[in-house]
C-alpha atoms as a PDB file:
ATOM      1  CA  MET A   1     -86.100  36.227 -22.513  1.00  0.00           C
ATOM      2  CA  ALA A   2     -82.535  36.457 -23.793  1.00  0.00           C
ATOM      3  CA  THR A   3     -80.085  33.670 -24.507  1.00  0.00           C
ATOM      4  CA  VAL A   4     -76.637  34.756 -23.370  1.00  0.00           C
ATOM      5  CA  ALA A   5     -73.309  32.972 -23.603  1.00  0.00           C
ATOM      6  CA  TYR A   6     -70.332  33.088 -21.280  1.00  0.00           C
ATOM      7  CA  TYR A   7     -66.827  32.216 -22.485  1.00  0.00           C
ATOM      8  CA  ARG A   8     -63.572  32.085 -20.534  1.00  0.00           C
ATOM      9  CA  VAL A   9     -59.970  31.221 -21.357  1.00  0.00           C
ATOM     10  CA  SER A  10     -57.126  31.115 -18.866  1.00  0.00           C
ATOM     11  CA  THR A  11     -54.226  32.527 -20.872  1.00  0.00           C
ATOM     12  CA  LYS A  12     -53.533  35.201 -23.486  1.00  0.00           C
ATOM     13  CA  GLU A  13     -52.401  32.489 -25.904  1.00  0.00           C
ATOM     14  CA  GLN A  14     -55.868  30.895 -25.867  1.00  0.00           C
ATOM     15  CA  SER A  15     -58.932  32.047 -27.775  1.00  0.00           C
ATOM     16  CA  ILE A  16     -62.644  31.860 -27.022  1.00  0.00           C
ATOM     17  CA  GLU A  17     -63.424  31.234 -30.694  1.00  0.00           C
ATOM     18  CA  ASN A  18     -63.767  27.446 -30.388  1.00  0.00           C
ATOM     19  CA  GLN A  19     -66.236  27.913 -27.547  1.00  0.00           C
ATOM     20  CA  ARG A  20     -68.143  30.526 -29.551  1.00  0.00           C
ATOM     21  CA  MET A  21     -68.338  28.298 -32.643  1.00  0.00           C
ATOM     22  CA  GLU A  22     -69.521  25.350 -30.549  1.00  0.00           C
ATOM     23  CA  LEU A  23     -72.385  27.308 -28.998  1.00  0.00           C
ATOM     24  CA  GLU A  24     -73.426  29.184 -32.132  1.00  0.00           C
ATOM     25  CA  LYS A  25     -73.900  25.878 -34.004  1.00  0.00           C
ATOM     26  CA  VAL A  26     -76.792  25.027 -31.693  1.00  0.00           C
ATOM     27  CA  TYR A  27     -78.048  28.238 -30.076  1.00  0.00           C
ATOM     28  CA  GLN A  28     -79.165  31.665 -31.210  1.00  0.00           C
ATOM     29  CA  ILE A  29     -76.997  33.755 -28.884  1.00  0.00           C
ATOM     30  CA  GLU A  30     -78.335  37.262 -28.346  1.00  0.00           C
ATOM     31  CA  ARG A  31     -75.489  38.550 -26.201  1.00  0.00           C
ATOM     32  CA  ASP A  32     -72.145  37.144 -25.172  1.00  0.00           C
ATOM     33  CA  PHE A  33     -69.795  37.852 -22.315  1.00  0.00           C
ATOM     34  CA  MET A  34     -66.217  36.728 -21.933  1.00  0.00           C
ATOM     35  CA  ASP A  35     -63.170  36.760 -19.745  1.00  0.00           C
ATOM     36  CA  ASN A  36     -59.845  36.453 -21.565  1.00  0.00           C
ATOM     37  CA  ALA A  37     -56.724  35.335 -19.719  1.00  0.00           C
ATOM     38  CA  VAL A  38     -58.596  34.837 -16.444  1.00  0.00           C
ATOM     39  CA  SER A  39     -57.986  31.738 -14.354  1.00  0.00           C
ATOM     40  CA  GLY A  40     -60.914  29.576 -13.315  1.00  0.00           C
ATOM     41  CA  THR A  41     -59.631  29.914  -9.760  1.00  0.00           C
ATOM     42  CA  ILE A  42     -60.640  33.591  -9.759  1.00  0.00           C
ATOM     43  CA  LYS A  43     -64.087  33.894  -8.196  1.00  0.00           C
ATOM     44  CA  THR A  44     -66.807  34.594 -10.744  1.00  0.00           C
ATOM     45  CA  ALA A  45     -67.818  37.804  -8.978  1.00  0.00           C
ATOM     46  CA  ASP A  46     -64.260  39.119  -9.449  1.00  0.00           C
ATOM     47  CA  ARG A  47     -64.242  38.571 -13.221  1.00  0.00           C
ATOM     48  CA  GLU A  48     -65.082  41.584 -15.354  1.00  0.00           C
ATOM     49  CA  GLY A  49     -66.980  39.698 -18.069  1.00  0.00           C
ATOM     50  CA  PHE A  50     -68.921  37.526 -15.661  1.00  0.00           C
ATOM     51  CA  SER A  51     -69.877  40.528 -13.530  1.00  0.00           C
ATOM     52  CA  ALA A  52     -71.131  42.321 -16.633  1.00  0.00           C
ATOM     53  CA  MET A  53     -73.204  39.254 -17.505  1.00  0.00           C
ATOM     54  CA  LEU A  54     -74.684  39.162 -13.993  1.00  0.00           C
ATOM     55  CA  ASN A  55     -75.718  42.797 -14.367  1.00  0.00           C
ATOM     56  CA  TYR A  56     -77.314  42.054 -17.740  1.00  0.00           C
ATOM     57  CA  VAL A  57     -79.356  38.864 -17.178  1.00  0.00           C
ATOM     58  CA  ARG A  58     -82.972  38.982 -16.047  1.00  0.00           C
ATOM     59  CA  ASP A  59     -85.650  36.572 -14.904  1.00  0.00           C
ATOM     60  CA  GLY A  60     -86.409  34.149 -17.749  1.00  0.00           C
ATOM     61  CA  ASP A  61     -83.013  34.463 -19.478  1.00  0.00           C
ATOM     62  CA  THR A  62     -80.831  31.450 -20.258  1.00  0.00           C
ATOM     63  CA  LEU A  63     -77.069  31.377 -19.730  1.00  0.00           C
ATOM     64  CA  ILE A  64     -75.164  28.938 -21.923  1.00  0.00           C
ATOM     65  CA  THR A  65     -71.550  27.905 -21.462  1.00  0.00           C
ATOM     66  CA  VAL A  66     -69.574  25.028 -22.922  1.00  0.00           C
ATOM     67  CA  ASP A  67     -68.329  23.392 -19.734  1.00  0.00           C
ATOM     68  CA  ILE A  68     -68.520  23.612 -15.958  1.00  0.00           C
ATOM     69  CA  ASP A  69     -64.865  24.649 -15.675  1.00  0.00           C
ATOM     70  CA  ARG A  70     -65.641  27.794 -17.684  1.00  0.00           C
ATOM     71  CA  LEU A  71     -67.653  28.904 -14.652  1.00  0.00           C
ATOM     72  CA  GLY A  72     -64.828  28.031 -12.291  1.00  0.00           C
ATOM     73  CA  ARG A  73     -62.533  25.511 -10.689  1.00  0.00           C
ATOM     74  CA  ASP A  74     -63.709  26.013  -7.110  1.00  0.00           C
ATOM     75  CA  ALA A  75     -66.715  23.831  -6.309  1.00  0.00           C
ATOM     76  CA  ILE A  76     -68.165  26.171  -3.690  1.00  0.00           C
ATOM     77  CA  ASP A  77     -67.833  29.245  -5.936  1.00  0.00           C
ATOM     78  CA  VAL A  78     -69.464  27.401  -8.856  1.00  0.00           C
ATOM     79  CA  GLN A  79     -72.339  26.225  -6.675  1.00  0.00           C
ATOM     80  CA  GLN A  80     -72.842  29.709  -5.198  1.00  0.00           C
ATOM     81  CA  THR A  81     -72.780  31.212  -8.696  1.00  0.00           C
ATOM     82  CA  ILE A  82     -75.367  28.742  -9.934  1.00  0.00           C
ATOM     83  CA  ALA A  83     -77.555  29.372  -6.892  1.00  0.00           C
ATOM     84  CA  LYS A  84     -77.336  33.138  -7.483  1.00  0.00           C
ATOM     85  CA  LEU A  85     -78.269  32.805 -11.150  1.00  0.00           C
ATOM     86  CA  LYS A  86     -81.145  30.441 -10.394  1.00  0.00           C
ATOM     87  CA  GLY A  87     -82.300  32.827  -7.661  1.00  0.00           C
ATOM     88  CA  MET A  88     -82.439  35.543 -10.323  1.00  0.00           C
ATOM     89  CA  GLY A  89     -84.627  33.268 -12.466  1.00  0.00           C
ATOM     90  CA  VAL A  90     -81.840  32.505 -14.965  1.00  0.00           C
ATOM     91  CA  ASN A  91     -81.622  28.988 -16.384  1.00  0.00           C
ATOM     92  CA  ILE A  92     -78.161  27.550 -17.077  1.00  0.00           C
ATOM     93  CA  ILE A  93     -77.193  25.136 -19.834  1.00  0.00           C
ATOM     94  CA  ILE A  94     -73.771  23.478 -19.912  1.00  0.00           C
ATOM     95  CA  THR A  95     -73.466  22.011 -23.379  1.00  0.00           C
ATOM     96  CA  ARG A  96     -70.588  19.513 -23.125  1.00  0.00           C
ATOM     97  CA  LEU A  97     -72.267  17.878 -20.156  1.00  0.00           C
ATOM     98  CA  GLY A  98     -75.656  17.993 -21.840  1.00  0.00           C
ATOM     99  CA  VAL A  99     -77.043  19.553 -18.682  1.00  0.00           C
ATOM    100  CA  ASP A 100     -79.978  21.913 -18.379  1.00  0.00           C
ATOM    101  CA  LEU A 101     -80.217  23.107 -14.795  1.00  0.00           C
ATOM    102  CA  ASP A 102     -83.989  23.341 -14.964  1.00  0.00           C
ATOM    103  CA  SER A 103     -84.085  19.885 -13.347  1.00  0.00           C
ATOM    104  CA  ASP A 104     -83.043  18.483  -9.949  1.00  0.00           C
ATOM    105  CA  ALA A 105     -80.946  15.855 -11.742  1.00  0.00           C
ATOM    106  CA  GLY A 106     -79.098  18.617 -13.584  1.00  0.00           C
ATOM    107  CA  GLU A 107     -78.332  20.428 -10.334  1.00  0.00           C
ATOM    108  CA  LEU A 108     -77.062  17.224  -8.734  1.00  0.00           C
ATOM    109  CA  LEU A 109     -74.802  16.506 -11.700  1.00  0.00           C
ATOM    110  CA  ILE A 110     -73.380  20.040 -11.599  1.00  0.00           C
ATOM    111  CA  THR A 111     -72.643  19.753  -7.881  1.00  0.00           C
ATOM    112  CA  ILE A 112     -70.652  16.585  -8.541  1.00  0.00           C
ATOM    113  CA  MET A 113     -68.945  17.906 -11.684  1.00  0.00           C
ATOM    114  CA  SER A 114     -67.877  21.174 -10.018  1.00  0.00           C
ATOM    115  CA  LYS A 115     -66.108  19.135  -7.361  1.00  0.00           C
ATOM    116  CA  VAL A 116     -64.453  17.039 -10.105  1.00  0.00           C
ATOM    117  CA  ALA A 117     -63.214  20.235 -11.816  1.00  0.00           C
ATOM    118  CA  GLU A 118     -61.745  21.406  -8.515  1.00  0.00           C
ATOM    119  CA  MET A 119     -60.037  18.029  -7.985  1.00  0.00           C
ATOM    120  CA  GLU A 120     -58.605  18.122 -11.529  1.00  0.00           C
ATOM    121  CA  ARG A 121     -57.021  21.495 -10.815  1.00  0.00           C
ATOM    122  CA  ARG A 122     -55.547  20.251  -7.539  1.00  0.00           C
ATOM    123  CA  LYS A 123     -54.089  17.162  -9.271  1.00  0.00           C
ATOM    124  CA  MET A 124     -52.609  19.297 -12.051  1.00  0.00           C
ATOM    125  CA  LEU A 125     -50.877  21.499  -9.461  1.00  0.00           C
ATOM    126  CA  GLU A 126     -49.560  18.410  -7.648  1.00  0.00           C
ATOM    127  CA  ARG A 127     -48.102  17.064 -10.916  1.00  0.00           C
ATOM    128  CA  GLN A 128     -46.554  20.471 -11.606  1.00  0.00           C
ATOM    129  CA  ARG A 129     -44.937  20.598  -8.142  1.00  0.00           C
ATOM    130  CA  ALA A 130     -43.628  17.028  -8.563  1.00  0.00           C
ATOM    131  CA  GLY A 131     -42.147  17.936 -11.960  1.00  0.00           C
ATOM    132  CA  ILE A 132     -40.440  21.011 -10.541  1.00  0.00           C
ATOM    133  CA  ALA A 133     -39.046  18.999  -7.601  1.00  0.00           C
ATOM    134  CA  ARG A 134     -37.663  16.356  -9.998  1.00  0.00           C
ATOM    135  CA  ALA A 135     -36.144  19.033 -12.260  1.00  0.00           C
ATOM    136  CA  LYS A 136     -34.541  20.740  -9.255  1.00  0.00           C
ATOM    137  CA  ALA A 137     -33.111  17.412  -8.064  1.00  0.00           C
ATOM    138  CA  GLU A 138     -31.633  16.876 -11.533  1.00  0.00           C
ATOM    139  CA  GLY A 139     -30.233  20.419 -11.561  1.00  0.00           C
ATOM    140  CA  LYS A 140     -32.389  21.419 -14.541  1.00  0.00           C
ATOM    141  CA  TYR A 141     -34.688  23.887 -12.794  1.00  0.00           C
ATOM    142  CA  LYS A 142     -33.359  27.218 -11.647  1.00  0.00           C
ATOM    143  CA  GLY A 143     -36.625  29.112 -11.169  1.00  0.00           C
ATOM    144  CA  SER A 144     -37.384  32.372 -12.876  1.00  0.00           C
ATOM    145  CA  GLN A 145     -34.448  34.600 -13.710  1.00  0.00           C
ATOM    146  CA  LYS A 146     -34.125  37.902 -11.887  1.00  0.00           C
ATOM    147  CA  SER A 147     -35.283  40.712 -14.109  1.00  0.00           C
ATOM    148  CA  VAL A 148     -33.631  43.408 -11.979  1.00  0.00           C
ATOM    149  CA  GLU A 149     -30.807  43.213  -9.476  1.00  0.00           C
ATOM    150  CA  PRO A 150     -31.378  44.597  -5.945  1.00  0.00           C
ATOM    151  CA  GLU A 151     -28.586  47.147  -6.427  1.00  0.00           C
ATOM    152  CA  VAL A 152     -30.417  48.688  -9.399  1.00  0.00           C
ATOM    153  CA  VAL A 153     -33.594  49.043  -7.338  1.00  0.00           C
ATOM    154  CA  LYS A 154     -31.707  50.549  -4.384  1.00  0.00           C
ATOM    155  CA  SER A 155     -30.002  53.036  -6.670  1.00  0.00           C
ATOM    156  CA  ALA A 156     -33.270  54.075  -8.310  1.00  0.00           C
ATOM    157  CA  ARG A 157     -34.981  54.442  -4.935  1.00  0.00           C
ATOM    158  CA  LYS A 158     -32.480  57.160  -3.975  1.00  0.00           C
ATOM    159  CA  THR A 159     -34.220  59.550  -6.373  1.00  0.00           C
ATOM    160  CA  MET A 160     -37.639  57.966  -7.079  1.00  0.00           C
ATOM    161  CA  SER A 161     -40.704  56.824  -5.189  1.00  0.00           C
ATOM    162  CA  ILE A 162     -41.568  53.142  -5.003  1.00  0.00           C
ATOM    163  CA  ALA A 163     -44.272  53.525  -7.664  1.00  0.00           C
ATOM    164  CA  ASP A 164     -41.980  55.521  -9.968  1.00  0.00           C
ATOM    165  CA  THR A 165     -39.183  52.970  -9.505  1.00  0.00           C
ATOM    166  CA  ALA A 166     -41.551  50.129 -10.371  1.00  0.00           C
ATOM    167  CA  GLU A 167     -42.763  51.915 -13.499  1.00  0.00           C
ATOM    168  CA  HIS A 168     -39.248  52.937 -14.561  1.00  0.00           C
ATOM    169  CA  LEU A 169     -37.854  49.404 -14.171  1.00  0.00           C
ATOM    170  CA  GLY A 170     -40.944  47.613 -15.458  1.00  0.00           C
ATOM    171  CA  ILE A 171     -41.508  45.610 -12.286  1.00  0.00           C
ATOM    172  CA  SER A 172     -44.241  45.507  -9.672  1.00  0.00           C
ATOM    173  CA  VAL A 173     -44.379  47.666  -6.558  1.00  0.00           C
ATOM    174  CA  ALA A 174     -44.146  44.464  -4.490  1.00  0.00           C
ATOM    175  CA  THR A 175     -40.908  43.527  -6.291  1.00  0.00           C
ATOM    176  CA  VAL A 176     -39.439  46.983  -5.603  1.00  0.00           C
ATOM    177  CA  LYS A 177     -40.270  46.641  -1.905  1.00  0.00           C
ATOM    178  CA  ARG A 178     -38.796  43.131  -1.736  1.00  0.00           C
ATOM    179  CA  LEU A 179     -35.596  43.977  -3.650  1.00  0.00           C
ATOM    180  CA  GLN A 180     -34.844  47.193  -1.753  1.00  0.00           C
ATOM    181  CA  LYS A 181     -34.682  45.086   1.429  1.00  0.00           C
ATOM    182  CA  ALA A 182     -32.318  42.499  -0.117  1.00  0.00           C
ATOM    183  CA  ASN A 183     -28.760  42.426   1.208  1.00  0.00           C
END
């Protein structure tokens, strides 16, 4: 019966080290899994570190994470993930909530808290949109600057494929397709 930890941070500027230190103070972690610069809105099954952890854990293991939002910000995905882990015989401990999912009360609390995490994300996005709208109204927000002009893309496309143009200009294939259609 292994004790495994799962860590996640949303951006490259963040580090999992605070999460690691917090868990290692209390638990003897035998194996850890992490996702760096991965949003909580990405389904757990689509995260490399989480998928690796799912392939590793066995009946009787315990998964420890610091908070419910490390698992995700979508209530349904979090609940499905928990159900899958419990179906595999894996117990889950969420330290900041003081929740051990071995109990019905723990499962109820997680159901509620996963919905709260989802609502927090939605509110944050609403505040962001309101801030952008205000900045636009004040003439302070111009959006992201164009990295490449359409004419440069059109010129490059005369001699290169879409993929080669994207690589050469350091932009995505989708951007090449969009800019080559621009007037």
